[in-house]
């Protein structure tokens, strides 16, 4: 990257009013062996618990950890349907 990465190294402040106001979609990769589907669901559940009035829209994809590489056309269809 052209600039240093700050997110992983600095604390971020998240609020329900700001982060919870943004619609979000999670593409769950069902054959992901790096971040297994059960752990992905844990992330989704935590986000939904933090902003219960703004649940995560989940789209399941029969893909490995990198759907942009393994199935770019399928991922493109999912992303295009979101707009």
Protein backbone atom coordinates (compact mmCIF):
# COMPACT_ATOMS: atom_id res chain seq x y z
CA UNK A 1 0.00 0.00 0.00
CA UNK A 2 0.99 3.61 -0.49
CA UNK A 3 0.13 4.52 3.09
CA UNK A 4 0.77 2.72 6.39
CA UNK A 5 -2.05 0.51 7.58
CA UNK A 6 -3.63 2.04 10.69
CA UNK A 7 -6.75 0.00 11.38
CA UNK A 8 -5.09 -3.15 12.76
CA UNK A 9 -2.64 -1.16 14.86
CA UNK A 10 -4.89 1.55 16.31
CA UNK A 11 -8.06 1.38 18.35
CA UNK A 12 -11.22 2.31 16.50
CA UNK A 13 -14.34 3.69 18.09
CA UNK A 14 -17.53 2.11 16.85
CA UNK A 15 -20.94 3.43 17.77
CA UNK A 16 -24.37 2.00 17.15
CA UNK A 17 -25.49 5.34 15.75
CA UNK A 18 -22.76 5.52 13.13
CA UNK A 19 -21.74 1.96 12.26
CA UNK A 20 -25.23 0.65 12.92
CA UNK A 21 -26.73 3.05 10.40
CA UNK A 22 -24.89 1.48 7.46
CA UNK A 23 -26.55 -1.44 5.70
CA UNK A 24 -24.17 -4.37 5.47
CA UNK A 25 -23.99 -7.63 3.60
CA UNK A 26 -21.75 -10.54 4.53
CA UNK A 27 -20.79 -13.05 1.85
CA UNK A 28 -20.37 -16.27 3.79
CA UNK A 29 -17.93 -18.58 2.01
CA UNK A 30 -19.20 -22.04 2.83
CA UNK A 31 -15.96 -23.89 1.97
CA UNK A 32 -13.65 -21.39 3.65
CA UNK A 33 -10.95 -23.23 5.55
CA UNK A 34 -9.18 -20.06 6.77
CA UNK A 35 -12.22 -18.49 8.44
CA UNK A 36 -14.59 -21.40 8.82
CA UNK A 37 -18.34 -20.82 8.35
CA UNK A 38 -19.02 -21.28 12.07
CA UNK A 39 -16.56 -18.48 12.90
CA UNK A 40 -18.01 -16.34 10.12
CA UNK A 41 -21.41 -16.79 11.77
CA UNK A 42 -19.90 -15.71 15.09
CA UNK A 43 -18.79 -12.45 13.44
CA UNK A 44 -22.26 -11.96 11.94
CA UNK A 45 -23.96 -12.68 15.27
CA UNK A 46 -21.68 -10.22 17.09
CA UNK A 47 -22.46 -7.48 14.57
CA UNK A 48 -26.18 -8.17 14.87
CA UNK A 49 -26.00 -8.13 18.68
CA UNK A 50 -24.22 -4.77 18.54
CA UNK A 51 -26.82 -3.28 16.17
CA UNK A 52 -29.99 -5.32 16.58
CA UNK A 53 -32.07 -2.81 14.61
CA UNK A 54 -29.80 -3.26 11.59
CA UNK A 55 -29.30 -6.98 10.98
CA UNK A 56 -26.66 -8.22 8.57
CA UNK A 57 -27.89 -9.43 5.19
CA UNK A 58 -26.11 -12.75 4.62
CA UNK A 59 -25.49 -14.30 1.22
CA UNK A 60 -24.03 -17.78 1.19
CA UNK A 61 -21.58 -18.72 -1.52
CA UNK A 62 -20.24 -22.20 -2.23
CA UNK A 63 -16.67 -20.98 -2.30
CA UNK A 64 -13.34 -21.08 -0.55
CA UNK A 65 -11.84 -18.13 1.36
CA UNK A 66 -11.18 -16.17 -1.84
CA UNK A 67 -14.39 -16.12 -3.91
CA UNK A 68 -13.00 -13.22 -5.94
CA UNK A 69 -10.40 -15.68 -7.22
CA UNK A 70 -12.29 -18.99 -7.15
CA UNK A 71 -15.59 -17.75 -8.57
CA UNK A 72 -15.30 -14.12 -9.69
CA UNK A 73 -18.42 -14.27 -11.88
CA UNK A 74 -20.53 -15.61 -9.01
CA UNK A 75 -19.23 -12.98 -6.63
CA UNK A 76 -19.81 -10.27 -9.24
CA UNK A 77 -23.45 -11.38 -9.56
CA UNK A 78 -23.88 -11.17 -5.79
CA UNK A 79 -22.31 -7.72 -5.61
CA UNK A 80 -24.27 -6.42 -8.60
CA UNK A 81 -27.51 -7.56 -6.98
CA UNK A 82 -26.73 -5.42 -3.92
CA UNK A 83 -26.78 -2.12 -5.81
